[in-house]
């Protein structure tokens, strides 16, 4: 790996060069980072164009990896004095287009894979002649399909039955993405630099929705279903050494199989102090073993140059809580190795906000979910997990999202998922899905073939 300032003389002429453009939030950066590593493993130079702080975090994760000499980090800065987020994004987009223009002059073909949310800010890419652009969606196919159905009319009797069954519990565009999604979709369809669409999914999970989405892609542009990235990458590269030093994994090594519930709400969720208190009480009263990641949301620091620095959480746990659950429960502040925790045989459940990255990780590891959606795509993912895949239960009804979730509801969800036959049935279904996914990412499997087909597509003459 290397940090790349993209001076024109520093770049050798390549047949194909890939530029990766993520949306700057963690949940969007991570899947494109994993995809970058997979592409780079095919001896293709990949330039990851992201904020300096985000790249700093990613480079720390690669300190022990020797397989990423084709992965280059291009650090982008935005003025920390500017408080207007829209202006910051516009400046970020301008910087990205300048870097891509330099890259294009040193390669026969520049392949740009950009987060779909970035199209508003990278319009200057139209001036580059030797470019192919692929739009990446970090959301599930179910979410994209469900929101598309609410904006344009698509006949689907199966989903109509599901909506009728769930009533107000089925999320709406207005209640999740807000009033501007339809406007964004119109802008997206006007985007001319479109060589194809990439979904962060796999056909064993979302085949029906992927097939339906492909019908609505303009000009018959290909729709690629690439994922789960962490498993494809693991199958392609030598496995990195297990993070045996992390206290979470040492704790799990001492527990019985499927006995621990992992509790984490991602990087953009901020629980109130009152809600933290109720969650602590619910976990304590459940009498089940748990690992709880307690951290503040970092979206407020998304553009700050020093946002990669760890900070002491301001979240206060109830007095005496950690002492009372000692030996049975573990509280981790800030970062925890989520994928390794979910993949550990002692982990039997996941209490989650249902961000799509977390969903993909838990499904691929065969872990059922106690769903607790907060915003945006998460309520749709909850419906998919619970009502389509049937590997999850609800902690609290989405229609009552403005209320504080009481400890009794949290306790009940933990007991159901971890100690009742209903939870065990979900666990078995999750394990069956995990096995299908494992077979799919192996050489000759469906996911592996689709990824290799995509690599062939971007490198062919």
Protein backbone atom coordinates (compact mmCIF):
# COMPACT_ATOMS: atom_id res chain seq x y z
CA UNK A 1 0.00 0.00 0.00
CA UNK A 2 1.08 3.58 -0.51
CA UNK A 3 -0.03 7.14 0.04
CA UNK A 4 -0.36 8.86 -3.29
CA UNK A 5 -0.34 12.60 -3.92
CA UNK A 6 -0.91 11.97 -7.63
CA UNK A 7 1.76 14.12 -9.21
CA UNK A 8 1.53 13.42 -12.95
CA UNK A 9 5.15 12.32 -13.27
CA UNK A 10 4.83 9.80 -10.45
CA UNK A 11 2.30 7.54 -12.14
CA UNK A 12 3.31 4.97 -14.71
CA UNK A 13 1.14 4.30 -17.72
CA UNK A 14 -1.17 1.37 -17.01
CA UNK A 15 -3.64 -0.48 -19.20
CA UNK A 16 -6.34 -0.05 -16.55
CA UNK A 17 -6.37 2.02 -13.40
CA UNK A 18 -9.19 2.04 -10.88
CA UNK A 19 -10.21 5.10 -8.87
CA UNK A 20 -12.42 4.41 -5.87
CA UNK A 21 -14.65 7.25 -4.65
CA UNK A 22 -16.53 6.56 -1.42
CA UNK A 23 -19.09 8.70 0.36
CA UNK A 24 -17.13 9.84 3.41
CA UNK A 25 -19.13 8.08 6.14
CA UNK A 26 -17.72 4.88 7.68
CA UNK A 27 -20.58 2.66 6.54
CA UNK A 28 -19.94 3.72 2.94
CA UNK A 29 -16.14 3.75 3.08
CA UNK A 30 -15.68 0.22 4.41
CA UNK A 31 -17.33 -1.84 1.62
CA UNK A 32 -15.50 0.09 -1.11
CA UNK A 33 -12.25 -0.37 0.80
CA UNK A 34 -12.79 -4.14 0.82
CA UNK A 35 -13.71 -4.07 -2.88
CA UNK A 36 -10.53 -2.06 -3.54
CA UNK A 37 -8.44 -4.74 -1.87
CA UNK A 38 -10.10 -7.47 -3.92
CA UNK A 39 -9.50 -5.65 -7.21
CA UNK A 40 -5.92 -4.82 -6.21
CA UNK A 41 -5.32 -8.53 -5.56
CA UNK A 42 -5.80 -9.04 -9.33
CA UNK A 43 -2.69 -6.94 -10.05
CA UNK A 44 -4.75 -3.87 -10.92
CA UNK A 45 -3.64 -0.50 -9.48
CA UNK A 46 -6.39 0.97 -7.30
CA UNK A 47 -6.36 4.53 -5.98
CA UNK A 48 -8.60 5.12 -2.96
CA UNK A 49 -9.65 8.77 -3.00
CA UNK A 50 -10.91 9.66 0.45
CA UNK A 51 -10.53 12.08 3.32
CA UNK A 52 -7.14 12.03 5.02
CA UNK A 53 -8.63 10.89 8.33
CA UNK A 54 -10.56 8.04 6.72
CA UNK A 55 -7.47 6.86 4.86
CA UNK A 56 -5.49 7.06 8.09
CA UNK A 57 -7.93 4.62 9.70
CA UNK A 58 -7.76 2.26 6.73
CA UNK A 59 -3.97 2.26 6.58
CA UNK A 60 -3.82 1.28 10.24
CA UNK A 61 -5.88 -1.81 9.36
CA UNK A 62 -3.33 -2.78 6.69
CA UNK A 63 -0.18 -2.51 8.78
CA UNK A 64 0.36 -6.26 8.81
CA UNK A 65 -0.91 -6.97 5.29
CA UNK A 66 1.62 -7.65 2.57
CA UNK A 67 -0.78 -8.27 -0.32
CA UNK A 68 -1.81 -4.67 -1.08
CA UNK A 69 1.10 -3.21 -3.03
CA UNK A 70 -1.39 -2.28 -5.79
CA UNK A 71 -3.55 -0.27 -3.39
CA UNK A 72 -2.71 3.44 -3.20
CA UNK A 73 -4.27 5.97 -0.85
CA UNK A 74 -4.91 9.47 -2.11
CA UNK A 75 -5.51 11.73 0.89
CA UNK A 76 -8.05 14.50 0.36
CA UNK A 77 -8.42 17.48 2.67
CA UNK A 78 -11.25 19.90 3.21
CA UNK A 79 -10.98 23.13 5.20
CA UNK A 80 -11.92 22.50 8.81
CA UNK A 81 -12.99 26.12 9.13
CA UNK A 82 -15.93 25.54 6.79
CA UNK A 83 -19.02 24.45 8.73
CA UNK A 84 -21.43 24.14 5.79
CA UNK A 85 -21.56 20.43 4.95
CA UNK A 86 -22.82 21.03 1.40
CA UNK A 87 -19.93 23.40 0.65
CA UNK A 88 -17.49 20.88 2.08
CA UNK A 89 -18.85 18.13 -0.16
CA UNK A 90 -18.65 20.38 -3.21
CA UNK A 91 -14.99 21.13 -2.45
CA UNK A 92 -14.34 17.44 -1.87
CA UNK A 93 -15.96 16.61 -5.21
CA UNK A 94 -13.86 19.19 -7.03
CA UNK A 95 -10.69 17.76 -5.51
CA UNK A 96 -11.73 14.24 -6.53
CA UNK A 97 -12.31 15.31 -10.14
CA UNK A 98 -8.87 16.97 -10.27
CA UNK A 99 -7.19 13.79 -9.01
CA UNK A 100 -9.12 11.62 -11.48
CA UNK A 101 -8.09 13.89 -14.33
CA UNK A 102 -4.43 13.35 -13.41
CA UNK A 103 -4.95 9.59 -13.18
CA UNK A 104 -6.66 9.49 -16.58
CA UNK A 105 -3.58 10.89 -18.28
CA UNK A 106 -1.45 7.99 -17.10
CA UNK A 107 -3.63 5.06 -18.04
CA UNK A 108 -5.33 3.78 -21.16
CA UNK A 109 -8.59 3.38 -19.26
CA UNK A 110 -9.66 4.89 -15.97
CA UNK A 111 -12.33 2.86 -14.21
CA UNK A 112 -14.14 4.90 -11.59
CA UNK A 113 -16.24 3.15 -8.94
CA UNK A 114 -18.11 5.81 -7.01
CA UNK A 115 -20.69 5.78 -4.26
CA UNK A 116 -24.01 6.66 -5.84
CA UNK A 117 -24.43 9.57 -3.40
CA UNK A 118 -21.38 11.31 -4.89
CA UNK A 119 -22.87 11.98 -8.35
CA UNK A 120 -24.07 15.41 -7.23
CA UNK A 121 -20.47 16.47 -6.60
CA UNK A 122 -18.41 14.81 -9.34
CA UNK A 123 -20.03 16.17 -12.49
CA UNK A 124 -16.67 17.39 -13.82
CA UNK A 125 -15.73 13.78 -14.57
CA UNK A 126 -17.64 14.25 -17.84
CA UNK A 127 -14.57 16.03 -19.23
CA UNK A 128 -12.48 12.84 -19.03
CA UNK A 129 -12.60 10.87 -22.27
CA UNK A 130 -11.06 7.51 -21.33
CA UNK A 131 -13.30 6.80 -18.33
CA UNK A 132 -15.82 4.13 -17.39
CA UNK A 133 -17.96 4.81 -14.31
CA UNK A 134 -19.74 2.29 -12.11
CA UNK A 135 -22.22 3.45 -9.50
CA UNK A 136 -22.00 1.66 -6.15
CA UNK A 137 -24.97 1.28 -3.79
CA UNK A 138 -24.13 0.55 -0.17
CA UNK A 139 -27.77 -0.30 0.64
CA UNK A 140 -29.45 -3.66 0.17
CA UNK A 141 -31.29 -4.55 -3.03
CA UNK A 142 -34.44 -4.93 -0.95
CA UNK A 143 -34.15 -1.31 0.20
CA UNK A 144 -33.46 0.04 -3.28
CA UNK A 145 -36.32 -1.97 -4.74
CA UNK A 146 -38.77 -1.06 -1.96
CA UNK A 147 -38.04 2.66 -2.19
CA UNK A 148 -38.16 2.57 -5.98
CA UNK A 149 -41.61 0.98 -5.77
CA UNK A 150 -42.80 3.87 -3.65
CA UNK A 151 -41.54 6.42 -6.17
CA UNK A 152 -42.60 4.71 -9.40
CA UNK A 153 -45.32 2.10 -9.87
CA UNK A 154 -44.10 -1.51 -10.02
CA UNK A 155 -46.54 -4.40 -9.80
CA UNK A 156 -45.46 -6.93 -7.19
CA UNK A 157 -48.16 -8.96 -5.49
CA UNK A 158 -45.74 -10.58 -3.02
CA UNK A 159 -44.53 -7.28 -1.63
CA UNK A 160 -48.05 -5.86 -1.64
CA UNK A 161 -49.06 -8.76 0.63
CA UNK A 162 -46.08 -8.05 2.89
CA UNK A 163 -47.00 -4.36 3.12
CA UNK A 164 -50.61 -5.24 3.85
CA UNK A 165 -49.49 -7.69 6.53
CA UNK A 166 -47.18 -5.19 8.27
CA UNK A 167 -49.36 -2.10 7.86
CA UNK A 168 -47.76 0.92 9.54
CA UNK A 169 -44.71 -1.16 10.44
CA UNK A 170 -43.62 -1.18 6.80
CA UNK A 171 -41.38 1.90 6.42
CA UNK A 172 -42.01 4.70 3.95
CA UNK A 173 -39.59 6.87 2.00
CA UNK A 174 -40.78 9.92 3.92
CA UNK A 175 -40.22 8.34 7.34
CA UNK A 176 -36.76 7.00 6.51
CA UNK A 177 -34.94 8.89 3.75
CA UNK A 178 -36.93 12.11 3.98
CA UNK A 179 -38.55 14.24 1.27
CA UNK A 180 -35.65 14.43 -1.21
CA UNK A 181 -35.23 10.82 -2.33
CA UNK A 182 -37.46 11.19 -5.39
CA UNK A 183 -35.44 14.23 -6.48
CA UNK A 184 -32.21 12.27 -6.00
CA UNK A 185 -33.54 9.35 -8.06
CA UNK A 186 -34.35 11.72 -10.93
CA UNK A 187 -30.84 13.15 -10.74
CA UNK A 188 -29.40 9.65 -10.67
CA UNK A 189 -31.22 8.68 -13.86
CA UNK A 190 -29.80 11.75 -15.62
CA UNK A 191 -26.25 10.67 -14.80
CA UNK A 192 -24.67 9.85 -18.16
CA UNK A 193 -21.38 8.34 -17.02
CA UNK A 194 -22.96 5.01 -16.22
CA UNK A 195 -21.26 1.81 -17.34
CA UNK A 196 -23.11 -0.29 -14.78
CA UNK A 197 -24.44 -0.53 -11.25
CA UNK A 198 -22.86 -2.42 -8.34
CA UNK A 199 -24.98 -3.67 -5.46
CA UNK A 200 -23.45 -4.71 -2.15
CA UNK A 201 -25.27 -8.02 -1.91
CA UNK A 202 -25.45 -11.56 -3.22
CA UNK A 203 -27.98 -13.46 -5.29
CA UNK A 204 -28.58 -16.19 -2.72
CA UNK A 205 -30.00 -13.50 -0.44
CA UNK A 206 -31.67 -11.03 -2.77
CA UNK A 207 -32.04 -12.71 -6.17
CA UNK A 208 -35.65 -11.65 -6.70
CA UNK A 209 -34.99 -7.99 -5.93
CA UNK A 210 -31.81 -7.90 -8.01
CA UNK A 211 -33.67 -9.34 -11.01
CA UNK A 212 -36.42 -6.76 -10.59
CA UNK A 213 -33.93 -3.89 -10.30
CA UNK A 214 -32.10 -5.01 -13.43
CA UNK A 215 -35.28 -4.46 -15.44
CA UNK A 216 -35.33 -0.79 -14.46
CA UNK A 217 -31.72 0.00 -15.25
CA UNK A 218 -31.65 2.47 -18.14
CA UNK A 219 -30.16 1.41 -21.49
CA UNK A 220 -29.76 -2.16 -20.25
CA UNK A 221 -26.67 -1.28 -18.26
CA UNK A 222 -25.38 -4.30 -16.34
CA UNK A 223 -26.20 -4.70 -12.67
CA UNK A 224 -23.45 -6.43 -10.73
CA UNK A 225 -24.14 -8.14 -7.43
CA UNK A 226 -20.80 -8.23 -5.61
CA UNK A 227 -20.51 -9.48 -2.06
CA UNK A 228 -20.06 -10.18 0.68
CA UNK A 229 -16.76 -8.38 0.20
CA UNK A 230 -15.14 -9.54 3.43
CA UNK A 231 -15.63 -13.21 2.51
CA UNK A 232 -14.52 -12.83 -1.11
CA UNK A 233 -11.42 -11.01 0.06
CA UNK A 234 -10.70 -13.62 2.72
CA UNK A 235 -10.90 -16.35 0.08
CA UNK A 236 -8.53 -14.44 -2.24
CA UNK A 237 -5.82 -13.30 0.17
CA UNK A 238 -3.89 -14.99 2.89
CA UNK A 239 -5.86 -14.56 6.09
CA UNK A 240 -4.55 -11.88 8.40
CA UNK A 241 -3.64 -13.04 11.84
CA UNK A 242 -6.54 -13.22 14.28
CA UNK A 243 -6.79 -10.31 16.70
CA UNK A 244 -6.14 -12.62 19.63
CA UNK A 245 -5.02 -9.76 21.83
CA UNK A 246 -8.40 -8.07 21.86
CA UNK A 247 -10.11 -8.61 25.19
CA UNK A 248 -13.46 -9.43 23.50
CA UNK A 249 -12.08 -12.53 21.84
CA UNK A 250 -10.38 -13.71 25.01
CA UNK A 251 -13.74 -13.37 26.77
CA UNK A 252 -15.51 -15.32 24.02
CA UNK A 253 -12.91 -18.11 24.14
CA UNK A 254 -14.06 -18.89 27.69
CA UNK A 255 -17.79 -19.09 26.89
CA UNK A 256 -20.08 -21.90 25.70
CA UNK A 257 -21.17 -22.07 22.08
CA UNK A 258 -23.94 -19.63 21.02
CA UNK A 259 -24.16 -18.28 24.57
CA UNK A 260 -23.20 -14.61 24.04
CA UNK A 261 -25.24 -11.82 22.45
CA UNK A 262 -23.24 -9.08 20.77
CA UNK A 263 -24.72 -5.57 21.13
CA UNK A 264 -23.55 -2.80 18.79
CA UNK A 265 -25.22 0.12 17.01
CA UNK A 266 -22.60 1.16 14.48
CA UNK A 267 -20.77 4.44 14.03
CA UNK A 268 -23.62 6.89 13.40
CA UNK A 269 -26.11 5.99 16.14
CA UNK A 270 -26.31 8.10 19.28
CA UNK A 271 -28.45 6.76 22.12
CA UNK A 272 -29.75 9.14 24.77
CA UNK A 273 -28.54 8.75 28.33
CA UNK A 274 -32.02 7.56 29.29
CA UNK A 275 -31.90 4.91 26.57
CA UNK A 276 -28.43 3.79 27.64
CA UNK A 277 -29.74 3.29 31.16
CA UNK A 278 -32.67 1.18 29.91
CA UNK A 279 -30.40 -0.90 27.68
CA UNK A 280 -28.02 -1.57 30.56
CA UNK A 281 -30.90 -2.62 32.80
CA UNK A 282 -32.40 -4.87 30.12
CA UNK A 283 -29.10 -6.66 29.51
CA UNK A 284 -28.54 -7.06 33.24
CA UNK A 285 -32.03 -8.45 33.89
CA UNK A 286 -31.83 -10.89 30.97
CA UNK A 287 -29.20 -12.94 32.83
CA UNK A 288 -27.60 -13.77 29.49
CA UNK A 289 -23.96 -13.23 28.57
CA UNK A 290 -23.20 -10.23 26.37
CA UNK A 291 -20.58 -7.99 24.77
CA UNK A 292 -21.80 -4.41 24.48
CA UNK A 293 -19.92 -1.86 22.36
CA UNK A 294 -20.53 1.56 23.90
CA UNK A 295 -19.43 4.46 21.75
CA UNK A 296 -20.52 7.88 20.63
CA UNK A 297 -21.56 8.49 17.04
CA UNK A 298 -18.73 9.96 15.00
CA UNK A 299 -20.73 11.52 12.16
CA UNK A 300 -20.27 14.97 13.73
CA UNK A 301 -16.52 14.62 13.20
CA UNK A 302 -16.74 13.23 9.68
CA UNK A 303 -14.78 15.98 7.93
CA UNK A 304 -12.32 16.91 10.68
CA UNK A 305 -8.72 16.13 9.88
CA UNK A 306 -8.17 14.57 13.32
CA UNK A 307 -11.35 12.54 13.43
CA UNK A 308 -9.43 9.28 13.44
CA UNK A 309 -8.21 9.89 16.97
CA UNK A 310 -9.86 7.81 19.66
CA UNK A 311 -11.77 9.80 22.24
CA UNK A 312 -13.11 9.03 25.64
CA UNK A 313 -16.83 8.33 25.41
CA UNK A 314 -19.11 10.66 27.32
CA UNK A 315 -21.71 7.93 27.71
CA UNK A 316 -22.23 7.15 31.39
CA UNK A 317 -23.32 3.67 32.42
CA UNK A 318 -25.52 3.15 35.52
CA UNK A 319 -23.55 3.15 38.74
CA UNK A 320 -22.28 -0.31 39.61
CA UNK A 321 -23.48 -1.86 36.33
CA UNK A 322 -20.13 -3.18 35.16
CA UNK A 323 -19.37 -4.61 38.58
CA UNK A 324 -22.73 -6.39 38.77
CA UNK A 325 -22.33 -8.05 35.35
CA UNK A 326 -18.63 -8.83 35.72
CA UNK A 327 -17.82 -12.25 34.29
CA UNK A 328 -21.15 -12.42 32.45
CA UNK A 329 -21.07 -9.22 30.45
CA UNK A 330 -18.37 -7.11 28.88
CA UNK A 331 -18.50 -3.41 27.96
CA UNK A 332 -16.16 -2.21 25.21
CA UNK A 333 -15.72 1.48 24.50
CA UNK A 334 -15.02 2.65 20.95
CA UNK A 335 -13.73 0.02 18.50
CA UNK A 336 -14.28 -3.75 18.66
CA UNK A 337 -13.47 -6.42 16.02
CA UNK A 338 -17.10 -6.91 14.98
CA UNK A 339 -16.52 -9.44 12.21
CA UNK A 340 -14.38 -11.66 14.43
CA UNK A 341 -16.87 -11.41 17.27
CA UNK A 342 -19.77 -12.41 14.99
CA UNK A 343 -17.70 -15.26 13.58
CA UNK A 344 -16.76 -16.64 16.98
CA UNK A 345 -18.60 -19.90 17.88
CA UNK A 346 -19.59 -18.48 21.28
CA UNK A 347 -21.60 -15.66 19.68
CA UNK A 348 -25.22 -16.71 19.25
CA UNK A 349 -27.05 -13.45 18.65
CA UNK A 350 -26.62 -9.85 17.55
CA UNK A 351 -28.57 -6.83 18.83
CA UNK A 352 -28.14 -4.34 16.02
CA UNK A 353 -29.32 -1.11 14.41
CA UNK A 354 -29.44 -3.14 11.17
CA UNK A 355 -27.12 -1.08 9.04
CA UNK A 356 -26.57 -3.08 5.86
CA UNK A 357 -22.87 -3.76 6.48
CA UNK A 358 -23.72 -5.22 9.89
CA UNK A 359 -26.55 -7.25 8.34
CA UNK A 360 -24.25 -8.71 5.70
CA UNK A 361 -21.66 -9.59 8.32
CA UNK A 362 -24.10 -11.24 10.70
CA UNK A 363 -25.88 -13.18 7.94
CA UNK A 364 -22.60 -14.42 6.49
CA UNK A 365 -21.54 -15.55 9.96
CA UNK A 366 -24.82 -17.35 10.66
CA UNK A 367 -25.92 -15.12 13.54
CA UNK A 368 -29.61 -14.14 14.04
CA UNK A 369 -30.51 -10.58 14.97
CA UNK A 370 -32.53 -8.69 17.56
CA UNK A 371 -33.42 -5.73 15.35
CA UNK A 372 -33.41 -2.14 16.61
CA UNK A 373 -33.49 0.17 13.56
CA UNK A 374 -32.84 3.87 14.05
CA UNK A 375 -33.09 5.65 10.68
CA UNK A 376 -32.58 5.73 6.90
CA UNK A 377 -32.38 2.21 5.38
CA UNK A 378 -32.31 0.36 8.69
CA UNK A 379 -36.12 -0.10 9.06
CA UNK A 380 -36.24 -1.70 5.59
CA UNK A 381 -33.34 -3.98 6.48
CA UNK A 382 -35.26 -4.99 9.60
CA UNK A 383 -38.26 -6.05 7.49
CA UNK A 384 -35.92 -8.04 5.24
CA UNK A 385 -34.21 -9.77 8.17
CA UNK A 386 -37.42 -10.54 10.05
CA UNK A 387 -40.09 -11.09 7.40
CA UNK A 388 -38.18 -12.26 4.32
CA UNK A 389 -35.21 -14.20 5.68
CA UNK A 390 -36.94 -14.92 9.02
CA UNK A 391 -33.73 -14.75 11.04
CA UNK A 392 -34.57 -11.92 13.40
CA UNK A 393 -36.93 -10.62 16.05
CA UNK A 394 -37.91 -7.05 16.88
CA UNK A 395 -36.72 -5.32 20.02
CA UNK A 396 -39.27 -2.52 19.58
CA UNK A 397 -41.94 -1.63 17.03
CA UNK A 398 -40.73 0.82 14.38
CA UNK A 399 -43.98 2.81 14.64
CA UNK A 400 -43.01 3.70 18.24
CA UNK A 401 -39.51 4.85 17.32
CA UNK A 402 -39.84 8.18 19.13
CA UNK A 403 -40.27 6.42 22.47
CA UNK A 404 -37.51 5.23 24.77
CA UNK A 405 -37.28 1.46 24.49
CA UNK A 406 -37.91 0.08 27.99
CA UNK A 407 -35.65 -2.40 29.74
CA UNK A 408 -38.47 -4.98 29.79
CA UNK A 409 -38.61 -5.05 25.97
CA UNK A 410 -34.83 -5.40 25.72
CA UNK A 411 -34.82 -8.17 28.31
CA UNK A 412 -37.58 -10.03 26.45
CA UNK A 413 -35.80 -9.77 23.10
CA UNK A 414 -32.54 -11.11 24.55
CA UNK A 415 -34.28 -14.00 26.29
CA UNK A 416 -36.26 -14.91 23.15
CA UNK A 417 -33.29 -14.82 20.81
CA UNK A 418 -30.83 -16.51 23.15
CA UNK A 419 -32.93 -18.90 25.22
CA UNK A 420 -36.19 -19.79 23.46
CA UNK A 421 -36.99 -22.35 20.71
CA UNK A 422 -38.00 -19.45 18.45
CA UNK A 423 -34.50 -18.04 18.67
CA UNK A 424 -32.92 -21.43 18.05
CA UNK A 425 -35.01 -21.91 14.89
CA UNK A 426 -33.78 -18.53 13.61
CA UNK A 427 -30.23 -19.52 14.44
CA UNK A 428 -30.54 -22.69 12.37
CA UNK A 429 -31.94 -20.74 9.40
CA UNK A 430 -29.07 -18.25 9.75
CA UNK A 431 -26.54 -21.09 9.74
CA UNK A 432 -28.10 -22.52 6.57
CA UNK A 433 -27.71 -19.12 4.89
CA UNK A 434 -24.12 -18.90 6.10
CA UNK A 435 -23.31 -22.24 4.52
CA UNK A 436 -24.84 -21.15 1.20
CA UNK A 437 -22.77 -17.99 1.28
CA UNK A 438 -19.58 -19.90 2.06
CA UNK A 439 -20.17 -22.13 -0.95
CA UNK A 440 -20.96 -19.11 -3.13
CA UNK A 441 -17.69 -17.27 -2.43
CA UNK A 442 -15.52 -20.32 -3.06
CA UNK A 443 -13.90 -20.78 -6.46
CA UNK A 444 -16.64 -21.94 -8.81
CA UNK A 445 -19.38 -20.49 -6.62
CA UNK A 446 -21.97 -17.99 -7.84
CA UNK A 447 -20.61 -14.97 -5.95
CA UNK A 448 -17.06 -15.76 -6.97
CA UNK A 449 -18.04 -16.10 -10.64
CA UNK A 450 -19.89 -12.79 -10.62
CA UNK A 451 -16.95 -10.96 -9.07
CA UNK A 452 -14.52 -12.50 -11.54
CA UNK A 453 -16.89 -11.54 -14.36
CA UNK A 454 -16.81 -7.94 -13.13
CA UNK A 455 -12.99 -7.97 -13.04
CA UNK A 456 -13.02 -9.24 -16.63
CA UNK A 457 -15.46 -6.50 -17.63
CA UNK A 458 -13.33 -3.63 -16.34
CA UNK A 459 -10.09 -4.99 -17.81
CA UNK A 460 -11.24 -6.14 -21.26
CA UNK A 461 -10.24 -4.12 -24.31
